[in-house]
Amino acid sequence: MATKTFEDAMKELEQIVQELESGDLPLEKALKKFEDGVELSKFCSRKLDETEKKITILLEDQDKTLMEKPFHLQESAMKESDKSGTEEIHKQG
């Protein structure tokens, strides 16, 4: 299967929403469309999360200069910072 782009997925999701909102689909087809829509929504959400992480990596340089860093190398560091932030919240509460 060809790689789907975010834009293609959004167009397909919009089409599904229009079809479901029309109310003209039989129940089984509507359910299938809904399932497809959920999968497309998850796909789009993952793409947005990946993009947000990449932007964060680009902007998070310690000496405030814009510097691109490899995304895959930063994932574990970001997960660790998420954990420490969560721990602080729990300590405060």
N, C-alpha and C. Protein backbone atom coordinates (compact mmCIF):
# COMPACT_ATOMS: atom_id res chain seq x y z
N MET A 1 0.84 -1.18 0.00
CA MET A 1 0.00 0.00 0.00
C MET A 1 0.88 1.24 0.00
N ALA A 2 0.54 2.22 -0.79
CA ALA A 2 1.30 3.45 -0.88
C ALA A 2 1.20 4.22 0.44
N THR A 3 2.24 4.97 0.73
CA THR A 3 2.24 5.76 1.95
C THR A 3 1.21 6.87 1.85
N LYS A 4 0.35 6.93 2.85
CA LYS A 4 -0.70 7.94 2.89
C LYS A 4 -0.15 9.21 3.52
N THR A 5 -0.49 10.34 2.95
CA THR A 5 -0.08 11.61 3.53
C THR A 5 -1.14 12.09 4.52
N PHE A 6 -0.75 12.99 5.37
CA PHE A 6 -1.68 13.59 6.33
C PHE A 6 -2.84 14.25 5.58
N GLU A 7 -2.50 14.97 4.53
CA GLU A 7 -3.53 15.69 3.76
C GLU A 7 -4.52 14.73 3.10
N ASP A 8 -4.02 13.64 2.56
CA ASP A 8 -4.92 12.64 1.95
C ASP A 8 -5.84 12.02 3.00
N ALA A 9 -5.27 11.72 4.16
CA ALA A 9 -6.06 11.13 5.23
C ALA A 9 -7.15 12.11 5.70
N MET A 10 -6.80 13.38 5.81
CA MET A 10 -7.79 14.38 6.24
C MET A 10 -8.92 14.52 5.22
N LYS A 11 -8.58 14.51 3.94
CA LYS A 11 -9.61 14.58 2.90
C LYS A 11 -10.56 13.38 2.98
N GLU A 12 -9.96 12.20 3.16
CA GLU A 12 -10.76 10.99 3.26
C GLU A 12 -11.64 11.02 4.51
N LEU A 13 -11.10 11.51 5.60
CA LEU A 13 -11.86 11.62 6.85
C LEU A 13 -13.01 12.61 6.69
N GLU A 14 -12.78 13.72 6.03
CA GLU A 14 -13.84 14.69 5.78
C GLU A 14 -14.96 14.08 4.94
N GLN A 15 -14.59 13.28 3.96
CA GLN A 15 -15.58 12.61 3.11
C GLN A 15 -16.42 11.64 3.93
N ILE A 16 -15.76 10.89 4.80
CA ILE A 16 -16.48 9.95 5.65
C ILE A 16 -17.46 10.68 6.56
N VAL A 17 -17.01 11.78 7.14
CA VAL A 17 -17.90 12.55 8.02
C VAL A 17 -19.13 13.04 7.25
N GLN A 18 -18.93 13.54 6.04
CA GLN A 18 -20.06 13.99 5.22
C GLN A 18 -21.03 12.85 4.94
N GLU A 19 -20.49 11.68 4.61
CA GLU A 19 -21.33 10.53 4.31
C GLU A 19 -22.12 10.10 5.55
N LEU A 20 -21.46 10.10 6.70
CA LEU A 20 -22.15 9.70 7.93
C LEU A 20 -23.20 10.72 8.34
N GLU A 21 -22.89 12.00 8.17
CA GLU A 21 -23.84 13.05 8.54
C GLU A 21 -25.07 13.07 7.63
N SER A 22 -24.92 12.57 6.41
CA SER A 22 -26.05 12.57 5.49
C SER A 22 -27.17 11.66 5.98
N GLY A 23 -26.80 10.61 6.71
CA GLY A 23 -27.79 9.69 7.24
C GLY A 23 -28.36 8.74 6.20
N ASP A 24 -27.78 8.69 5.02
CA ASP A 24 -28.29 7.87 3.93
C ASP A 24 -27.69 6.46 3.87
N LEU A 25 -26.72 6.17 4.72
CA LEU A 25 -26.04 4.87 4.67
C LEU A 25 -26.79 3.83 5.51
N PRO A 26 -26.84 2.61 5.00
CA PRO A 26 -27.37 1.53 5.84
C PRO A 26 -26.46 1.35 7.06
N LEU A 27 -26.99 0.80 8.12
CA LEU A 27 -26.26 0.67 9.39
C LEU A 27 -24.91 -0.01 9.23
N GLU A 28 -24.84 -1.13 8.50
CA GLU A 28 -23.57 -1.85 8.36
C GLU A 28 -22.52 -1.01 7.64
N LYS A 29 -22.93 -0.30 6.59
CA LYS A 29 -21.99 0.56 5.86
C LYS A 29 -21.58 1.75 6.72
N ALA A 30 -22.51 2.28 7.48
CA ALA A 30 -22.20 3.41 8.36
C ALA A 30 -21.19 2.98 9.42
N LEU A 31 -21.36 1.79 9.98
CA LEU A 31 -20.43 1.28 10.98
C LEU A 31 -19.04 1.10 10.38
N LYS A 32 -18.97 0.56 9.17
CA LYS A 32 -17.69 0.38 8.50
C LYS A 32 -17.02 1.73 8.25
N LYS A 33 -17.79 2.70 7.79
CA LYS A 33 -17.26 4.05 7.55
C LYS A 33 -16.74 4.65 8.86
N PHE A 34 -17.52 4.44 9.95
CA PHE A 34 -17.11 4.95 11.24
C PHE A 34 -15.78 4.33 11.67
N GLU A 35 -15.64 3.01 11.50
CA GLU A 35 -14.39 2.33 11.84
C GLU A 35 -13.23 2.87 11.01
N ASP A 36 -13.47 3.07 9.73
CA ASP A 36 -12.44 3.65 8.86
C ASP A 36 -12.06 5.05 9.33
N GLY A 37 -13.06 5.81 9.73
CA GLY A 37 -12.83 7.17 10.22
C GLY A 37 -12.00 7.19 11.49
N VAL A 38 -12.26 6.24 12.38
CA VAL A 38 -11.48 6.15 13.62
C VAL A 38 -10.02 5.86 13.29
N GLU A 39 -9.78 4.95 12.37
CA GLU A 39 -8.40 4.63 11.98
C GLU A 39 -7.72 5.84 11.33
N LEU A 40 -8.43 6.54 10.48
CA LEU A 40 -7.85 7.74 9.86
C LEU A 40 -7.56 8.81 10.91
N SER A 41 -8.45 8.94 11.87
CA SER A 41 -8.24 9.91 12.94
C SER A 41 -6.99 9.57 13.75
N LYS A 42 -6.81 8.31 14.05
CA LYS A 42 -5.61 7.87 14.78
C LYS A 42 -4.35 8.15 13.97
N PHE A 43 -4.42 7.86 12.66
CA PHE A 43 -3.29 8.12 11.77
C PHE A 43 -2.93 9.61 11.79
N CYS A 44 -3.93 10.46 11.64
CA CYS A 44 -3.70 11.91 11.62
C CYS A 44 -3.14 12.38 12.96
N SER A 45 -3.65 11.85 14.04
CA SER A 45 -3.17 12.22 15.36
C SER A 45 -1.70 11.84 15.54
N ARG A 46 -1.33 10.65 15.08
CA ARG A 46 0.07 10.23 15.17
C ARG A 46 0.96 11.15 14.35
N LYS A 47 0.51 11.49 13.15
CA LYS A 47 1.30 12.39 12.30
C LYS A 47 1.48 13.75 12.95
N LEU A 48 0.43 14.28 13.56
CA LEU A 48 0.53 15.57 14.24
C LEU A 48 1.47 15.49 15.44
N ASP A 49 1.39 14.40 16.20
CA ASP A 49 2.30 14.22 17.33
C ASP A 49 3.75 14.17 16.88
N GLU A 50 4.01 13.42 15.81
CA GLU A 50 5.37 13.33 15.28
C GLU A 50 5.88 14.70 14.84
N THR A 51 5.02 15.45 14.17
CA THR A 51 5.40 16.77 13.69
C THR A 51 5.68 17.71 14.86
N GLU A 52 4.83 17.66 15.88
CA GLU A 52 5.02 18.51 17.06
C GLU A 52 6.36 18.19 17.73
N LYS A 53 6.70 16.91 17.85
CA LYS A 53 7.97 16.52 18.45
C LYS A 53 9.15 17.03 17.63
N LYS A 54 9.04 16.95 16.32
CA LYS A 54 10.12 17.44 15.46
C LYS A 54 10.30 18.94 15.63
N ILE A 55 9.21 19.67 15.70
CA ILE A 55 9.28 21.12 15.89
C ILE A 55 9.91 21.45 17.23
N THR A 56 9.53 20.72 18.26
CA THR A 56 10.09 20.93 19.60
C THR A 56 11.59 20.71 19.58
N ILE A 57 12.03 19.67 18.91
CA ILE A 57 13.46 19.38 18.83
C ILE A 57 14.18 20.52 18.13
N LEU A 58 13.59 21.06 17.09
CA LEU A 58 14.22 22.17 16.37
C LEU A 58 14.34 23.41 17.25
N LEU A 59 13.38 23.62 18.10
CA LEU A 59 13.36 24.85 18.90
C LEU A 59 14.07 24.74 20.25
N GLU A 60 14.36 23.55 20.70
CA GLU A 60 14.93 23.37 22.03
C GLU A 60 16.45 23.29 22.03
N ASP A 61 17.11 24.30 21.57
CA ASP A 61 18.56 24.33 21.64
C ASP A 61 18.95 25.16 22.86
N GLN A 62 19.90 24.69 23.64
CA GLN A 62 20.23 25.32 24.91
C GLN A 62 20.73 26.75 24.77
N ASP A 63 21.48 27.06 23.73
CA ASP A 63 21.98 28.43 23.60
C ASP A 63 21.08 29.28 22.70
N LYS A 64 19.85 28.84 22.52
CA LYS A 64 18.79 29.58 21.83
C LYS A 64 19.03 29.79 20.35
N THR A 65 19.93 29.01 19.74
CA THR A 65 20.08 29.08 18.30
C THR A 65 19.27 27.94 17.70
N LEU A 66 18.72 28.19 16.55
CA LEU A 66 17.92 27.18 15.88
C LEU A 66 18.84 26.10 15.33
N MET A 67 18.60 24.87 15.76
CA MET A 67 19.49 23.78 15.37
C MET A 67 18.67 22.51 15.22
N GLU A 68 18.80 21.87 14.09
CA GLU A 68 18.07 20.63 13.86
C GLU A 68 18.84 19.46 14.46
N LYS A 69 18.10 18.61 15.19
CA LYS A 69 18.70 17.42 15.79
C LYS A 69 17.93 16.21 15.27
N PRO A 70 18.59 15.06 15.12
CA PRO A 70 17.88 13.86 14.65
C PRO A 70 16.75 13.50 15.59
N PHE A 71 15.58 13.29 15.04
CA PHE A 71 14.38 13.02 15.81
C PHE A 71 14.50 11.73 16.62
N HIS A 72 14.95 10.66 16.00
CA HIS A 72 14.97 9.37 16.67
C HIS A 72 15.91 9.35 17.87
N LEU A 73 16.94 10.17 17.89
CA LEU A 73 17.86 10.21 19.01
C LEU A 73 17.29 10.99 20.19
N GLN A 74 16.31 11.84 19.93
CA GLN A 74 15.74 12.66 20.98
C GLN A 74 14.55 12.04 21.68
N GLU A 75 13.97 11.00 21.11
CA GLU A 75 12.76 10.41 21.67
C GLU A 75 12.95 9.95 23.10
N SER A 76 14.05 9.23 23.40
CA SER A 76 14.25 8.73 24.75
C SER A 76 14.48 9.88 25.72
N ALA A 77 15.17 10.92 25.30
CA ALA A 77 15.38 12.08 26.17
C ALA A 77 14.07 12.77 26.47
N MET A 78 13.20 12.86 25.47
CA MET A 78 11.91 13.51 25.67
C MET A 78 11.05 12.67 26.61
N LYS A 79 11.11 11.35 26.49
CA LYS A 79 10.34 10.48 27.37
C LYS A 79 10.81 10.65 28.81
N GLU A 80 12.12 10.78 29.01
CA GLU A 80 12.65 10.97 30.35
C GLU A 80 12.19 12.30 30.93
N SER A 81 12.18 13.37 30.12
CA SER A 81 11.73 14.66 30.63
C SER A 81 10.25 14.62 30.94
N ASP A 82 9.48 13.86 30.17
CA ASP A 82 8.05 13.70 30.47
C ASP A 82 7.87 13.02 31.82
N LYS A 83 8.68 12.00 32.10
CA LYS A 83 8.58 11.28 33.36
C LYS A 83 8.90 12.20 34.53
N SER A 84 9.97 12.99 34.41
CA SER A 84 10.34 13.86 35.51
C SER A 84 9.28 14.93 35.74
N GLY A 85 8.66 15.41 34.68
CA GLY A 85 7.58 16.38 34.83
C GLY A 85 6.40 15.78 35.52
N THR A 86 6.10 14.53 35.21
CA THR A 86 4.98 13.83 35.85
C THR A 86 5.28 13.62 37.32
N GLU A 87 6.53 13.26 37.64
CA GLU A 87 6.89 13.05 39.03
C GLU A 87 6.75 14.33 39.84
N GLU A 88 7.15 15.46 39.27
CA GLU A 88 7.02 16.73 39.97
C GLU A 88 5.58 17.05 40.27
N ILE A 89 4.70 16.80 39.34
CA ILE A 89 3.28 17.06 39.54
C ILE A 89 2.74 16.22 40.68
N HIS A 90 3.15 14.94 40.71
CA HIS A 90 2.70 14.06 41.78
C HIS A 90 3.24 14.49 43.13
N LYS A 91 4.47 14.98 43.17
CA LYS A 91 5.06 15.43 44.43
C LYS A 91 4.33 16.65 44.96
N GLN A 92 3.92 17.54 44.04
CA GLN A 92 3.25 18.76 44.45
C GLN A 92 1.85 18.48 44.98
N GLY A 93 1.18 17.48 44.39
CA GLY A 93 -0.22 17.18 44.73
C GLY A 93 -0.34 16.37 45.92
